[in-house]
C-alpha atoms as a PDB file:
ATOM      1  CA  MET A   1      12.728 -11.738   4.138  1.00  0.00           C
ATOM      2  CA  ALA A   2      12.532 -10.757   1.244  1.00  0.00           C
ATOM      3  CA  GLU A   3      15.455  -8.519  -0.527  1.00  0.00           C
ATOM      4  CA  PRO A   4      13.889  -4.974  -0.878  1.00  0.00           C
ATOM      5  CA  LEU A   5      13.789  -3.686  -4.811  1.00  0.00           C
ATOM      6  CA  VAL A   6      16.516  -1.457  -5.478  1.00  0.00           C
ATOM      7  CA  GLY A   7      17.166   1.108  -8.816  1.00  0.00           C
ATOM      8  CA  PRO A   8      14.535   1.125 -11.176  1.00  0.00           C
ATOM      9  CA  GLU A   9      12.008  -1.401  -9.920  1.00  0.00           C
ATOM     10  CA  ALA A  10      12.193   0.590  -6.757  1.00  0.00           C
ATOM     11  CA  ALA A  11      11.628   3.844  -8.157  1.00  0.00           C
ATOM     12  CA  ALA A  12       9.204   2.570 -10.364  1.00  0.00           C
ATOM     13  CA  VAL A  13       7.026   1.132  -7.459  1.00  0.00           C
ATOM     14  CA  ALA A  14       7.661   4.312  -5.436  1.00  0.00           C
ATOM     15  CA  ALA A  15       5.693   6.131  -8.664  1.00  0.00           C
ATOM     16  CA  MET A  16       2.405   4.143  -9.082  1.00  0.00           C
ATOM     17  CA  SER A  17      -0.469   5.111  -7.289  1.00  0.00           C
ATOM     18  CA  PHE A  18      -2.231   3.095  -4.624  1.00  0.00           C
ATOM     19  CA  GLU A  19      -4.949   1.820  -6.863  1.00  0.00           C
ATOM     20  CA  GLU A  20      -1.827   0.890  -9.333  1.00  0.00           C
ATOM     21  CA  ALA A  21       0.033  -0.851  -6.709  1.00  0.00           C
ATOM     22  CA  LEU A  22      -3.120  -2.669  -5.169  1.00  0.00           C
ATOM     23  CA  ALA A  23      -4.020  -4.106  -8.402  1.00  0.00           C
ATOM     24  CA  GLU A  24      -0.504  -5.239  -9.448  1.00  0.00           C
ATOM     25  CA  LEU A  25      -0.491  -6.931  -6.294  1.00  0.00           C
ATOM     26  CA  GLU A  26      -3.649  -8.687  -6.374  1.00  0.00           C
ATOM     27  CA  GLY A  27      -2.723 -10.222  -9.475  1.00  0.00           C
ATOM     28  CA  ILE A  28       0.836 -11.324  -8.087  1.00  0.00           C
ATOM     29  CA  VAL A  29      -1.646 -13.205  -5.168  1.00  0.00           C
ATOM     30  CA  GLN A  30      -3.522 -14.836  -8.044  1.00  0.00           C
ATOM     31  CA  LYS A  31      -0.620 -16.075  -9.540  1.00  0.00           C
ATOM     32  CA  LEU A  32       0.982 -17.455  -6.497  1.00  0.00           C
ATOM     33  CA  GLU A  33      -2.320 -19.036  -5.064  1.00  0.00           C
ATOM     34  CA  ARG A  34      -2.556 -21.091  -8.614  1.00  0.00           C
ATOM     35  CA  GLY A  35       0.739 -21.975  -8.722  1.00  0.00           C
ATOM     36  CA  GLN A  36       0.861 -20.296 -12.331  1.00  0.00           C
ATOM     37  CA  LEU A  37       4.890 -19.684 -11.680  1.00  0.00           C
ATOM     38  CA  ASP A  38       7.997 -21.617 -11.818  1.00  0.00           C
ATOM     39  CA  LEU A  39      10.105 -21.223  -8.288  1.00  0.00           C
ATOM     40  CA  GLU A  40      12.212 -18.734  -9.442  1.00  0.00           C
ATOM     41  CA  SER A  41       9.184 -16.460 -10.802  1.00  0.00           C
ATOM     42  CA  SER A  42       7.439 -17.055  -7.665  1.00  0.00           C
ATOM     43  CA  ILE A  43      10.210 -15.893  -5.507  1.00  0.00           C
ATOM     44  CA  GLN A  44      10.582 -12.424  -7.794  1.00  0.00           C
ATOM     45  CA  ALA A  45       6.918 -12.263  -7.681  1.00  0.00           C
ATOM     46  CA  TYR A  46       7.150 -12.474  -3.757  1.00  0.00           C
ATOM     47  CA  GLU A  47       9.775  -9.700  -3.524  1.00  0.00           C
ATOM     48  CA  ARG A  48       7.626  -7.078  -5.990  1.00  0.00           C
ATOM     49  CA  GLY A  49       4.576  -8.213  -3.769  1.00  0.00           C
ATOM     50  CA  THR A  50       6.386  -7.203  -0.746  1.00  0.00           C
ATOM     51  CA  ALA A  51       7.315  -3.695  -2.036  1.00  0.00           C
ATOM     52  CA  LEU A  52       4.070  -3.028  -3.354  1.00  0.00           C
ATOM     53  CA  ARG A  53       2.457  -4.289  -0.212  1.00  0.00           C
ATOM     54  CA  ALA A  54       5.031  -2.066   1.637  1.00  0.00           C
ATOM     55  CA  HIS A  55       4.127   0.876  -1.046  1.00  0.00           C
ATOM     56  CA  CYS A  56       0.348   0.338  -0.300  1.00  0.00           C
ATOM     57  CA  ALA A  57       0.814   0.709   3.545  1.00  0.00           C
ATOM     58  CA  ASP A  58       3.279   3.751   3.057  1.00  0.00           C
ATOM     59  CA  LYS A  59       0.236   5.532   0.871  1.00  0.00           C
ATOM     60  CA  LEU A  60      -2.478   4.482   3.385  1.00  0.00           C
ATOM     61  CA  ARG A  61      -0.473   6.096   6.445  1.00  0.00           C
ATOM     62  CA  GLN A  62       0.281   9.503   4.260  1.00  0.00           C
ATOM     63  CA  VAL A  63      -3.578   9.529   3.430  1.00  0.00           C
ATOM     64  CA  GLN A  64      -4.407   8.974   7.156  1.00  0.00           C
ATOM     65  CA  LEU A  65      -2.444  11.951   8.182  1.00  0.00           C
ATOM     66  CA  ARG A  66      -4.396  14.301   5.923  1.00  0.00           C
ATOM     67  CA  VAL A  67      -7.641  13.101   7.073  1.00  0.00           C
ATOM     68  CA  GLU A  68     -10.079  15.211   9.493  1.00  0.00           C
ATOM     69  CA  LYS A  69     -13.494  14.357  11.211  1.00  0.00           C
ATOM     70  CA  LEU A  70     -15.996  16.527  11.901  1.00  0.00           C
ATOM     71  CA  THR A  71     -16.808  16.626  15.408  1.00  0.00           C
ATOM     72  CA  LEU A  72     -19.062  18.954  17.392  1.00  0.00           C
ATOM     73  CA  ASP A  73     -17.752  21.423  19.825  1.00  0.00           C
ATOM     74  CA  ARG A  74     -19.290  21.872  23.822  1.00  0.00           C
ATOM     75  CA  GLU A  75     -21.926  24.359  21.893  1.00  0.00           C
ATOM     76  CA  GLY A  76     -22.645  22.334  18.853  1.00  0.00           C
ATOM     77  CA  ASN A  77     -20.983  24.011  16.798  1.00  0.00           C
ATOM     78  CA  PRO A  78     -18.864  22.102  13.745  1.00  0.00           C
ATOM     79  CA  LYS A  79     -15.264  21.734  14.124  1.00  0.00           C
ATOM     80  CA  LEU A  80     -12.604  19.618  12.380  1.00  0.00           C
ATOM     81  CA  GLN A  81     -10.331  17.852  14.179  1.00  0.00           C
ATOM     82  CA  PRO A  82      -7.206  15.487  12.972  1.00  0.00           C
ATOM     83  CA  PHE A  83      -7.643  12.135  12.700  1.00  0.00           C
ATOM     84  CA  GLU A  84      -6.592  10.040  15.269  1.00  0.00           C
ATOM     85  CA  GLU A  85      -6.014   6.034  15.327  1.00  0.00           C
ATOM     86  CA  GLN A  86      -8.269   3.940  17.346  1.00  0.00           C
END
């Protein structure tokens, strides 16, 4: 299991938007898949990628909690309901 990022690196990931973190994660995955990194760099990239993936998952959970869906009540009037996981 990868060590969690700490200090300035963790703070930098936490400050990223979902889109920024996802773009960096995609870049890391491409480099790892292509074998463009030596062993030590691969390990560091994997650890950073793990932190980025966790950050993206957390951002998605936060958004999910804010999403509301539009439904109709018994009389056919629109109403908002909190999002519920399927």
